[in-house]
Amino acid sequence: MHPDSSASVARHRPRQLDYNVCWIYRTPNQDALGMEPCTGEVDGNLRSLPGDASFACDLEIGALMPEEAWRGEQLIQQVLKQA
């Protein structure tokens, strides 16, 4: 959630992208943290394709207004309670 109560969102289908990678970028005047869905782990366990094959996945990336962000937060909390 952002200070104005909006939020950034990235949605994917876990059966297509079954891992997440977290990255950190730091410079003297900038800090950034990201999390992205992916096909394998940083240290291996990657999905392999033959040279002429292709891979497709569905991603939804965007911004949520405060009310949408609040509903999304509630949904995440419900899922976490069931885990």
Protein backbone atom coordinates (compact mmCIF):
# COMPACT_ATOMS: atom_id res chain seq x y z
CA MET A 1 0.00 0.00 0.00
CA HIS A 2 1.19 3.49 -0.82
CA PRO A 3 0.98 6.46 1.60
CA ASP A 4 -2.19 7.67 -0.17
CA SER A 5 -3.81 4.21 0.40
CA SER A 6 -3.59 3.24 -3.26
CA ALA A 7 -1.59 0.14 -4.17
CA SER A 8 0.35 -1.49 -6.96
CA VAL A 9 -0.78 -4.94 -8.00
CA ALA A 10 0.73 -7.86 -9.91
CA ARG A 11 -1.43 -10.94 -10.40
CA HIS A 12 -0.47 -14.22 -12.04
CA ARG A 13 -1.62 -17.82 -12.34
CA PRO A 14 0.47 -20.01 -9.98
CA ARG A 15 0.10 -23.03 -12.29
CA GLN A 16 1.95 -21.02 -14.97
CA LEU A 17 4.51 -19.27 -12.78
CA ASP A 18 5.01 -21.37 -9.67
CA TYR A 19 7.84 -19.41 -8.02
CA ASN A 20 8.47 -15.84 -6.91
CA VAL A 21 11.76 -14.02 -6.85
CA CYS A 22 12.43 -11.12 -4.52
CA TRP A 23 15.05 -8.52 -5.43
CA ILE A 24 16.55 -5.51 -3.72
CA TYR A 25 18.18 -2.54 -5.46
CA ARG A 26 20.14 -0.05 -3.39
CA THR A 27 22.15 2.99 -4.37
CA PRO A 28 23.28 5.94 -2.26
CA ASN A 29 20.06 7.82 -3.06
CA GLN A 30 17.53 5.11 -4.02
CA ASP A 31 16.13 1.94 -2.47
CA ALA A 32 13.77 -0.45 -4.23
CA LEU A 33 12.31 -3.84 -3.41
CA GLY A 34 10.49 -6.01 -5.92
CA MET A 35 8.79 -9.37 -6.05
CA GLU A 36 8.05 -11.06 -9.36
CA PRO A 37 6.46 -14.34 -10.39
CA CYS A 38 8.84 -16.58 -12.31
CA THR A 39 9.42 -20.10 -13.63
CA GLY A 40 12.27 -21.14 -11.33
CA GLU A 41 14.34 -20.44 -8.27
CA VAL A 42 17.31 -18.07 -8.25
CA ASP A 43 19.76 -20.91 -7.53
CA GLY A 44 18.35 -23.35 -10.11
CA ASN A 45 15.33 -25.59 -10.61
CA LEU A 46 14.57 -23.77 -13.86
CA ARG A 47 11.99 -24.79 -16.45
CA SER A 48 13.66 -25.90 -19.70
CA LEU A 49 12.23 -25.65 -23.20
CA PRO A 50 13.53 -27.04 -26.49
CA GLY A 51 15.04 -24.46 -28.85
CA ASP A 52 11.90 -24.07 -30.97
CA ALA A 53 9.40 -24.09 -28.08
CA SER A 54 7.59 -21.14 -26.55
CA PHE A 55 6.13 -20.31 -23.16
CA ALA A 56 3.18 -18.05 -22.44
CA CYS A 57 1.73 -16.79 -19.18
CA ASP A 58 -0.94 -14.39 -17.99
CA LEU A 59 0.08 -11.34 -15.95
CA GLU A 60 -2.08 -8.49 -14.71
CA ILE A 61 -0.08 -5.49 -13.52
CA GLY A 62 -1.52 -2.16 -12.51
CA ALA A 63 -2.60 0.27 -9.85
CA LEU A 64 -5.51 0.11 -7.41
CA MET A 65 -7.42 3.07 -6.07
CA PRO A 66 -7.74 3.15 -2.23
CA GLU A 67 -11.10 1.31 -2.05
CA GLU A 68 -9.88 -1.43 -4.41
CA ALA A 69 -6.62 -1.68 -2.46
CA TRP A 70 -8.54 -2.11 0.80
CA ARG A 71 -10.65 -4.93 -0.70
CA GLY A 72 -7.50 -6.59 -1.99
CA GLU A 73 -5.90 -6.37 1.45
CA GLN A 74 -8.97 -7.98 3.03
CA LEU A 75 -8.83 -10.84 0.52
CA ILE A 76 -5.13 -11.42 1.23
CA GLN A 77 -5.81 -11.51 4.98
CA GLN A 78 -8.58 -14.11 4.47
CA VAL A 79 -6.28 -16.31 2.39
CA LEU A 80 -3.50 -16.06 4.98
CA LYS A 81 -5.90 -17.08 7.78
CA GLN A 82 -6.88 -20.21 5.83
CA ALA A 83 -3.26 -21.23 5.17
